[in-house]
Protein backbone atom coordinates (compact mmCIF):
# COMPACT_ATOMS: atom_id res chain seq x y z
CA UNK A 1 3.69 12.94 20.38
CA UNK A 2 4.51 11.69 16.95
CA UNK A 3 2.29 10.96 13.88
CA UNK A 4 3.37 8.02 11.52
CA UNK A 5 1.37 7.28 8.21
CA UNK A 6 1.81 4.61 5.63
CA UNK A 7 0.01 3.81 2.39
CA UNK A 8 1.12 0.86 0.13
CA UNK A 9 -0.13 -1.42 -2.58
CA UNK A 10 -0.01 -4.95 -1.94
CA UNK A 11 -0.09 -7.93 -4.43
CA UNK A 12 -2.59 -10.87 -3.98
CA UNK A 13 -0.94 -13.98 -3.11
CA UNK A 14 -2.32 -17.31 -4.31
CA UNK A 15 -3.22 -19.36 -1.28
CA UNK A 16 -3.45 -16.24 1.05
CA UNK A 17 -6.90 -14.73 1.39
CA UNK A 18 -5.91 -11.54 3.41
CA UNK A 19 -3.26 -8.92 3.72
CA UNK A 20 -2.04 -7.31 6.99
CA UNK A 21 -0.02 -4.36 7.72
CA UNK A 22 0.59 -2.70 10.85
CA UNK A 23 3.14 -0.73 12.97
CA UNK A 24 5.53 -2.25 15.62
CA UNK A 25 6.60 0.02 18.57
CA UNK A 26 9.65 -1.29 20.34
CA UNK A 27 9.24 -4.76 18.46
CA UNK A 28 5.47 -5.17 19.63
CA UNK A 29 2.96 -6.21 16.80
CA UNK A 30 0.04 -5.34 19.05
CA UNK A 31 -2.87 -4.37 16.86
CA UNK A 32 -3.40 -1.17 18.92
CA UNK A 33 -0.62 0.29 17.07
CA UNK A 34 -2.57 0.55 13.85
CA UNK A 35 -3.70 -2.53 11.91
CA UNK A 36 -5.20 -3.33 8.60
CA UNK A 37 -6.54 -6.77 7.91
CA UNK A 38 -8.27 -7.11 4.71
CA UNK A 39 -9.87 -9.69 2.68
CA UNK A 40 -8.03 -9.66 -0.78
CA UNK A 41 -9.58 -12.45 -2.60
CA UNK A 42 -10.35 -12.00 -6.15
CA UNK A 43 -8.15 -8.90 -6.64
CA UNK A 44 -4.78 -8.55 -8.41
CA UNK A 45 -3.76 -5.96 -5.70
CA UNK A 46 -5.14 -4.01 -2.79
CA UNK A 47 -4.17 -0.84 -0.87
CA UNK A 48 -3.48 -0.72 2.79
CA UNK A 49 -3.37 2.74 4.68
CA UNK A 50 -2.92 3.15 8.40
CA UNK A 51 -1.97 5.99 10.81
CA UNK A 52 -0.72 6.18 14.13
CA UNK A 53 -0.23 8.94 16.86
CA UNK A 54 1.79 7.72 19.67
CA UNK A 55 3.94 9.34 22.52
CA UNK A 56 7.49 7.97 22.31
CA UNK A 57 10.30 8.05 24.67
CA UNK A 58 14.27 8.43 23.64
CA UNK A 59 15.40 5.14 21.89
CA UNK A 60 11.88 3.88 21.20
CA UNK A 61 11.41 2.65 17.70
CA UNK A 62 8.48 2.40 15.14
CA UNK A 63 8.70 0.06 12.26
CA UNK A 64 6.21 -1.28 9.66
CA UNK A 65 5.22 -4.84 9.70
CA UNK A 66 3.91 -6.57 6.64
CA UNK A 67 2.05 -9.81 7.25
CA UNK A 68 3.33 -11.60 4.35
CA UNK A 69 1.99 -10.10 1.15
CA UNK A 70 4.34 -8.80 -1.77
CA UNK A 71 4.45 -5.09 -2.28
CA UNK A 72 3.09 -4.10 -5.78
CA UNK A 73 5.99 -2.38 -7.41
CA UNK A 74 8.61 -0.39 -5.77
CA UNK A 75 7.31 3.29 -6.04
CA UNK A 76 3.62 2.59 -5.18
CA UNK A 77 3.46 3.89 -1.66
CA UNK A 78 4.53 6.29 1.07
CA UNK A 79 5.55 6.53 4.70
CA UNK A 80 5.86 9.54 6.97
CA UNK A 81 6.71 10.15 10.54
CA UNK A 82 7.10 13.45 12.36
CA UNK A 83 7.03 15.19 15.70
CA UNK A 84 3.60 16.76 16.58
CA UNK A 85 4.62 18.33 19.68
């Protein structure tokens, strides 16, 4: 079992009323892998925080998927992943 965590600040994009960040396991963007879908209208930025506990096999991959929002700065977020046992 592995635990993955993400926290990030996203900019508000004109013409886009939401932001979405999720984990992809082996390329699948299925929202069961942790998903944030949040209305961002009227703000200059918003935060997204997600976590995922998942059983993985050798050669499985976990990636962060950003649904199109720009990140707010380069040092305003964190990512971690570790083996739970």
